[in-house]
Amino acid sequence: MPEKTPLIKLVANAVMFQIGWFACVLGETGPWLLVPAAILCIHFFWISSWAAEGKLVVTVVLAGAAVDSFLMQVGVFEFPGDSKLVPLWLAALWAMLAITLNHCLAWTARPVWLACILGAVSGPISYFAGAALAEVKLPLEQFWTFLILAAVWAVVYPLMHGFAHIYRQQFLIKRMAQKS
């Protein structure tokens, strides 16, 4: 992972995130999930590498799916079927978020209060947009759903950036140790 991502790769990273988001939300299952898989491959081969960001992607997917599964269990949102876990397409959305943290969304990490505010605003907006396009129900009143999601994302988003920072530093230290 380079110290600073070139502009073309930042733009590509942002575009791939949007394509992946729409593929997950509109496609939900089946062949549409090949789109985020392809985006992850492109990301790891062109923009970064598995060695640099694989641990981050796995951490964000597992943590994000756990948070969303909890929110589903307490009734913030509902999906078709009776699964106790979120659908695969929603977990794939977390992978799409993870690949942006060190690149097109890196500027949102500092100061921490900015990450909190951006998380509190953009997180709920993304859920509301996704629910409008996918088979997701938000059974609570909009105000309460937004408030719950804002509180969750005010914590989750800076936490994800924290993981990105820690893993980035670990990768750089490991890379420096290998060069010596």
Protein backbone atom coordinates (compact mmCIF):
# COMPACT_ATOMS: atom_id res chain seq x y z
CA MET A 1 0.00 0.00 0.00
CA PRO A 2 1.57 3.31 -1.03
CA GLU A 3 1.92 6.13 1.49
CA LYS A 4 -0.32 8.30 -0.66
CA THR A 5 -2.75 6.86 -3.17
CA PRO A 6 -2.52 8.49 -6.65
CA LEU A 7 -5.57 10.53 -7.71
CA ILE A 8 -6.63 8.09 -10.45
CA LYS A 9 -6.71 5.29 -7.90
CA LEU A 10 -8.67 7.43 -5.42
CA VAL A 11 -11.28 8.15 -8.08
CA ALA A 12 -11.35 4.48 -9.14
CA ASN A 13 -11.73 3.46 -5.50
CA ALA A 14 -14.72 5.80 -5.05
CA VAL A 15 -16.35 4.67 -8.31
CA MET A 16 -15.83 0.99 -7.48
CA PHE A 17 -17.40 1.55 -4.06
CA GLN A 18 -20.50 3.09 -5.67
CA ILE A 19 -20.76 0.32 -8.27
CA GLY A 20 -20.37 -2.28 -5.52
CA TRP A 21 -22.96 -0.56 -3.33
CA PHE A 22 -25.56 -0.54 -6.10
CA ALA A 23 -24.76 -4.13 -7.15
CA CYS A 24 -25.25 -5.35 -3.58
CA VAL A 25 -28.38 -3.35 -2.85
CA LEU A 26 -30.15 -3.77 -6.19
CA GLY A 27 -28.94 -7.28 -6.96
CA GLU A 28 -29.04 -8.68 -3.42
CA THR A 29 -28.23 -12.28 -4.43
CA GLY A 30 -26.89 -14.53 -7.13
CA PRO A 31 -24.65 -13.28 -9.90
CA TRP A 32 -24.79 -9.68 -8.67
CA LEU A 33 -22.52 -10.63 -5.79
CA LEU A 34 -19.81 -11.34 -8.37
CA VAL A 35 -19.56 -7.56 -8.87
CA PRO A 36 -18.26 -6.79 -5.35
CA ALA A 37 -16.04 -9.89 -5.58
CA ALA A 38 -14.55 -8.54 -8.81
CA ILE A 39 -14.15 -5.11 -7.21
CA LEU A 40 -12.24 -6.65 -4.31
CA CYS A 41 -9.93 -8.43 -6.79
CA ILE A 42 -9.31 -5.21 -8.72
CA HIS A 43 -8.67 -3.38 -5.46
CA PHE A 44 -6.17 -5.93 -4.18
CA PHE A 45 -4.32 -6.21 -7.49
CA TRP A 46 -4.28 -2.56 -8.60
CA ILE A 47 -5.01 -0.12 -5.78
CA SER A 48 -3.60 -1.95 -2.77
CA SER A 49 -2.84 -5.56 -1.83
CA TRP A 50 -4.20 -8.37 0.29
CA ALA A 51 -1.10 -8.14 2.47
CA ALA A 52 -1.76 -4.45 3.13
CA GLU A 53 -5.54 -4.52 3.62
CA GLY A 54 -6.81 -8.09 3.84
CA LYS A 55 -6.96 -8.05 7.63
CA LEU A 56 -8.87 -4.76 7.52
CA VAL A 57 -11.46 -6.09 5.06
CA VAL A 58 -12.02 -9.25 7.11
CA THR A 59 -12.28 -7.26 10.37
CA VAL A 60 -14.72 -4.71 8.93
CA VAL A 61 -16.89 -7.43 7.34
CA LEU A 62 -17.08 -9.48 10.54
CA ALA A 63 -17.61 -6.49 12.84
CA GLY A 64 -20.09 -4.83 10.49
CA ALA A 65 -22.09 -8.02 9.94
CA ALA A 66 -22.19 -8.52 13.72
CA VAL A 67 -23.44 -4.96 14.29
CA ASP A 68 -26.08 -5.31 11.57
CA SER A 69 -27.14 -8.75 12.85
CA PHE A 70 -27.59 -7.23 16.31
CA LEU A 71 -29.62 -4.34 14.87
CA MET A 72 -31.74 -6.86 12.98
CA GLN A 73 -32.32 -8.90 16.17
CA VAL A 74 -33.48 -5.85 18.12
CA GLY A 75 -35.88 -4.86 15.32
CA VAL A 76 -34.20 -1.87 13.68
CA PHE A 77 -34.55 -3.57 10.30
CA GLU A 78 -36.03 -6.75 8.84
CA PHE A 79 -35.05 -8.91 5.89
CA PRO A 80 -37.10 -11.54 4.08
CA GLY A 81 -36.77 -15.03 5.57
CA ASP A 82 -36.00 -16.10 9.10
CA SER A 83 -32.20 -15.94 9.23
CA LYS A 84 -30.60 -14.73 12.44
CA LEU A 85 -27.74 -13.18 10.44
CA VAL A 86 -27.76 -10.42 7.85
CA PRO A 87 -27.82 -11.46 4.19
CA LEU A 88 -24.57 -11.97 2.30
CA TRP A 89 -25.13 -8.86 0.18
CA LEU A 90 -25.12 -6.68 3.30
CA ALA A 91 -21.88 -8.25 4.51
CA ALA A 92 -20.45 -7.55 1.03
CA LEU A 93 -21.36 -3.88 1.52
CA TRP A 94 -19.08 -3.84 4.56
CA ALA A 95 -16.24 -5.14 2.37
CA MET A 96 -16.92 -2.31 -0.06
CA LEU A 97 -16.68 0.18 2.83
CA ALA A 98 -13.45 -1.41 4.08
CA ILE A 99 -11.60 -0.84 0.80
CA THR A 100 -12.33 2.89 0.97
CA LEU A 101 -10.98 3.58 4.46
CA ASN A 102 -7.32 3.93 3.44
CA HIS A 103 -8.09 5.55 0.11
CA CYS A 104 -11.01 7.73 -1.01
CA LEU A 105 -12.40 8.07 2.52
CA ALA A 106 -9.07 8.37 4.33
CA TRP A 107 -9.65 12.13 4.73
CA THR A 108 -12.67 11.39 6.96
CA ALA A 109 -10.58 9.74 9.71
CA ARG A 110 -9.17 12.84 11.39
CA PRO A 111 -10.09 14.62 13.48
CA VAL A 112 -12.08 11.91 15.26
CA TRP A 113 -15.04 14.23 15.83
CA LEU A 114 -15.33 14.59 12.03
CA ALA A 115 -15.47 10.81 11.64
CA CYS A 116 -18.16 10.68 14.35
CA ILE A 117 -20.28 13.34 12.66
CA LEU A 118 -19.83 11.89 9.17
CA GLY A 119 -20.67 8.43 10.47
CA ALA A 120 -23.74 9.71 12.33
CA VAL A 121 -25.05 11.38 9.17
CA SER A 122 -23.90 9.19 6.27
CA GLY A 123 -24.52 5.82 7.96
CA PRO A 124 -28.28 6.29 8.44
CA ILE A 125 -28.66 7.91 5.02
CA SER A 126 -27.04 4.85 3.42
CA TYR A 127 -29.38 2.52 5.30
CA PHE A 128 -32.47 4.52 4.34
CA ALA A 129 -31.37 4.59 0.69
CA GLY A 130 -30.63 0.87 0.74
CA ALA A 131 -33.95 0.06 2.38
CA ALA A 132 -35.79 2.06 -0.28
CA LEU A 133 -34.09 0.05 -3.05
CA ALA A 134 -33.85 -3.42 -1.51
CA GLU A 135 -36.16 -5.80 0.31
CA VAL A 136 -35.43 -4.28 3.70
CA LYS A 137 -38.05 -3.06 6.12
CA LEU A 138 -37.44 -0.40 8.75
CA PRO A 139 -40.26 -1.20 11.19
CA LEU A 140 -39.56 1.58 13.69
CA GLU A 141 -40.58 5.18 13.10
CA GLN A 142 -38.11 7.01 10.85
CA PHE A 143 -37.01 9.35 13.63
CA TRP A 144 -36.09 6.48 15.99
CA THR A 145 -34.45 4.46 13.25
CA PHE A 146 -32.34 7.45 12.23
CA LEU A 147 -31.44 8.21 15.86
CA ILE A 148 -30.39 4.60 16.59
CA LEU A 149 -28.38 4.32 13.37
CA ALA A 150 -26.77 7.73 13.95
CA ALA A 151 -25.65 6.70 17.44
CA VAL A 152 -24.30 3.37 16.17
CA TRP A 153 -22.49 4.91 13.21
CA ALA A 154 -21.04 7.75 15.31
CA VAL A 155 -19.10 4.97 17.07
CA VAL A 156 -18.67 2.37 14.31
CA TYR A 157 -17.25 4.65 11.62
CA PRO A 158 -14.38 6.08 13.70
CA LEU A 159 -13.76 2.57 15.06
CA MET A 160 -13.36 1.24 11.50
CA HIS A 161 -10.91 4.06 10.80
CA GLY A 162 -9.09 3.06 13.98
CA PHE A 163 -8.70 -0.49 12.68
CA ALA A 164 -7.48 0.92 9.36
CA HIS A 165 -4.86 3.02 11.14
CA ILE A 166 -3.63 0.18 13.36
CA TYR A 167 -3.41 -2.32 10.51
CA ARG A 168 -1.74 0.24 8.22
CA GLN A 169 0.93 0.87 10.86
CA GLN A 170 1.42 -2.87 11.41
CA PHE A 171 1.85 -3.39 7.67
CA LEU A 172 4.37 -0.55 7.37
CA ILE A 173 6.41 -1.84 10.34
CA LYS A 174 6.39 -5.36 8.90
CA ARG A 175 7.44 -4.05 5.48
CA MET A 176 10.27 -1.99 7.02
CA ALA A 177 11.46 -5.02 9.02
CA GLN A 178 11.56 -7.13 5.84
CA LYS A 179 13.70 -4.51 4.07
CA SER A 180 16.33 -4.48 6.82
